[in-house]
Amino acid sequence: MKNKYFAFWRDSSFPYILGGTATEIEKDGMVYIEEFQERFKPVIILPLEQGKEIDKKLEQLTNEYHEAQKKLHNEYIAKIMDVAFFIKLK
């Protein structure tokens, strides 16, 4: 394949989609992703720069999600310790 593209495929963890540089698009519709050195069934194939831009935004959202998750976890640990003052969770 002369040009490189960016492909996205479904994943089981947040943000439920992953992406990477597709260096080969095979006859069966699968793409070979150079970063993973593996084949995936894409949900979309985009021009390289457009895909990288979307992937960067997804990475930012994922980081925000994990920070919010950590904050919520810590808030609830504090609430649990208020109710069950006799245990130590930290």
C-alpha atoms as a PDB file:
ATOM      1  CA  MET A   1       0.000   0.000   0.000  1.00  0.00           C
ATOM      2  CA  LYS A   2       1.572   3.251  -1.121  1.00  0.00           C
ATOM      3  CA  ASN A   3      -0.301   5.671   1.177  1.00  0.00           C
ATOM      4  CA  LYS A   4      -0.766   5.182   4.885  1.00  0.00           C
ATOM      5  CA  TYR A   5      -4.175   5.480   6.495  1.00  0.00           C
ATOM      6  CA  PHE A   6      -5.488   5.536  10.029  1.00  0.00           C
ATOM      7  CA  ALA A   7      -7.965   2.821  11.002  1.00  0.00           C
ATOM      8  CA  PHE A   8     -10.215   2.522  14.046  1.00  0.00           C
ATOM      9  CA  TRP A   9     -11.646  -0.726  15.426  1.00  0.00           C
ATOM     10  CA  ARG A  10     -13.841  -1.660  18.374  1.00  0.00           C
ATOM     11  CA  ASP A  11     -12.325  -2.451  21.762  1.00  0.00           C
ATOM     12  CA  SER A  12     -13.769  -3.794  25.006  1.00  0.00           C
ATOM     13  CA  SER A  13     -12.441  -1.044  27.291  1.00  0.00           C
ATOM     14  CA  PHE A  14     -12.899   2.717  27.403  1.00  0.00           C
ATOM     15  CA  PRO A  15     -13.116   4.537  24.992  1.00  0.00           C
ATOM     16  CA  TYR A  16     -14.319   1.337  23.284  1.00  0.00           C
ATOM     17  CA  ILE A  17     -12.409   2.115  20.103  1.00  0.00           C
ATOM     18  CA  LEU A  18      -8.716   1.981  19.253  1.00  0.00           C
ATOM     19  CA  GLY A  19      -6.816   3.280  16.282  1.00  0.00           C
ATOM     20  CA  GLY A  20      -3.515   2.999  14.519  1.00  0.00           C
ATOM     21  CA  THR A  21      -1.622   3.465  11.289  1.00  0.00           C
ATOM     22  CA  ALA A  22      -2.852   1.029   8.658  1.00  0.00           C
ATOM     23  CA  THR A  23       0.010  -0.031   6.438  1.00  0.00           C
ATOM     24  CA  GLU A  24      -1.960  -2.741   4.630  1.00  0.00           C
ATOM     25  CA  ILE A  25      -5.610  -3.130   3.727  1.00  0.00           C
ATOM     26  CA  GLU A  26      -6.205  -6.779   2.945  1.00  0.00           C
ATOM     27  CA  LYS A  27      -8.705  -8.310   0.535  1.00  0.00           C
ATOM     28  CA  ASP A  28     -10.848  -9.554   3.422  1.00  0.00           C
ATOM     29  CA  GLY A  29     -11.213  -5.992   4.758  1.00  0.00           C
ATOM     30  CA  MET A  30      -8.784  -6.469   7.629  1.00  0.00           C
ATOM     31  CA  VAL A  31      -6.060  -3.887   8.193  1.00  0.00           C
ATOM     32  CA  TYR A  32      -2.528  -4.397   9.410  1.00  0.00           C
ATOM     33  CA  ILE A  33      -1.639  -1.849  12.120  1.00  0.00           C
ATOM     34  CA  GLU A  34       2.065  -1.153  12.407  1.00  0.00           C
ATOM     35  CA  GLU A  35       1.963   0.042  16.055  1.00  0.00           C
ATOM     36  CA  PHE A  36       0.357  -3.217  17.200  1.00  0.00           C
ATOM     37  CA  GLN A  37       1.911  -5.474  14.537  1.00  0.00           C
ATOM     38  CA  GLU A  38      -1.455  -7.135  14.231  1.00  0.00           C
ATOM     39  CA  ARG A  39      -4.552  -7.257  12.023  1.00  0.00           C
ATOM     40  CA  PHE A  40      -7.910  -5.773  12.970  1.00  0.00           C
ATOM     41  CA  LYS A  41     -11.353  -5.387  11.422  1.00  0.00           C
ATOM     42  CA  PRO A  42     -11.822  -1.633  11.081  1.00  0.00           C
ATOM     43  CA  VAL A  43     -15.043   0.284  11.667  1.00  0.00           C
ATOM     44  CA  ILE A  44     -13.577   3.146   9.633  1.00  0.00           C
ATOM     45  CA  ILE A  45     -10.440   3.952   7.659  1.00  0.00           C
ATOM     46  CA  LEU A  46      -9.470   7.614   7.405  1.00  0.00           C
ATOM     47  CA  PRO A  47      -6.695   9.676   5.878  1.00  0.00           C
ATOM     48  CA  LEU A  48      -3.642   9.461   8.157  1.00  0.00           C
ATOM     49  CA  GLU A  49      -3.702  13.025   9.533  1.00  0.00           C
ATOM     50  CA  GLN A  50      -7.452  13.063  10.150  1.00  0.00           C
ATOM     51  CA  GLY A  51      -7.229   9.764  12.022  1.00  0.00           C
ATOM     52  CA  LYS A  52      -4.287  10.951  14.117  1.00  0.00           C
ATOM     53  CA  GLU A  53      -6.238  14.069  15.104  1.00  0.00           C
ATOM     54  CA  ILE A  54      -9.234  12.005  16.233  1.00  0.00           C
ATOM     55  CA  ASP A  55      -6.963   9.532  18.042  1.00  0.00           C
ATOM     56  CA  LYS A  56      -5.302  12.385  19.946  1.00  0.00           C
ATOM     57  CA  LYS A  57      -8.720  13.694  21.060  1.00  0.00           C
ATOM     58  CA  LEU A  58      -9.744  10.197  22.157  1.00  0.00           C
ATOM     59  CA  GLU A  59      -6.527   9.904  24.173  1.00  0.00           C
ATOM     60  CA  GLN A  60      -7.267  13.219  25.900  1.00  0.00           C
ATOM     61  CA  LEU A  61     -10.805  12.068  26.721  1.00  0.00           C
ATOM     62  CA  THR A  62      -9.472   8.784  28.062  1.00  0.00           C
ATOM     63  CA  ASN A  63      -7.043  10.627  30.351  1.00  0.00           C
ATOM     64  CA  GLU A  64      -9.874  12.888  31.591  1.00  0.00           C
ATOM     65  CA  TYR A  65     -12.056   9.830  32.184  1.00  0.00           C
ATOM     66  CA  HIS A  66      -9.389   8.080  34.261  1.00  0.00           C
ATOM     67  CA  GLU A  67      -8.753  11.229  36.327  1.00  0.00           C
ATOM     68  CA  ALA A  68     -12.490  11.629  36.997  1.00  0.00           C
ATOM     69  CA  GLN A  69     -12.749   7.943  37.895  1.00  0.00           C
ATOM     70  CA  LYS A  70      -9.860   8.254  40.361  1.00  0.00           C
ATOM     71  CA  LYS A  71     -11.389  11.364  41.937  1.00  0.00           C
ATOM     72  CA  LEU A  72     -14.786   9.680  42.322  1.00  0.00           C
ATOM     73  CA  HIS A  73     -13.154   6.600  43.835  1.00  0.00           C
ATOM     74  CA  ASN A  74     -11.323   8.712  46.414  1.00  0.00           C
ATOM     75  CA  GLU A  75     -14.514  10.623  47.270  1.00  0.00           C
ATOM     76  CA  TYR A  76     -16.358   7.377  47.957  1.00  0.00           C
ATOM     77  CA  ILE A  77     -13.510   5.930  49.991  1.00  0.00           C
ATOM     78  CA  ALA A  78     -13.756   9.029  52.207  1.00  0.00           C
ATOM     79  CA  LYS A  79     -17.533   8.530  52.534  1.00  0.00           C
ATOM     80  CA  ILE A  80     -17.078   4.862  53.426  1.00  0.00           C
ATOM     81  CA  MET A  81     -14.532   5.780  56.084  1.00  0.00           C
ATOM     82  CA  ASP A  82     -16.993   8.317  57.553  1.00  0.00           C
ATOM     83  CA  VAL A  83     -19.666   5.628  57.869  1.00  0.00           C
ATOM     84  CA  ALA A  84     -17.397   2.743  58.822  1.00  0.00           C
ATOM     85  CA  PHE A  85     -14.954   4.761  60.924  1.00  0.00           C
ATOM     86  CA  PHE A  86     -13.559   1.567  62.435  1.00  0.00           C
ATOM     87  CA  ILE A  87     -11.865   0.374  59.242  1.00  0.00           C
ATOM     88  CA  LYS A  88      -8.820   1.695  57.461  1.00  0.00           C
ATOM     89  CA  LEU A  89      -8.938   1.707  53.669  1.00  0.00           C
ATOM     90  CA  LYS A  90      -6.013   4.002  53.010  1.00  0.00           C
END
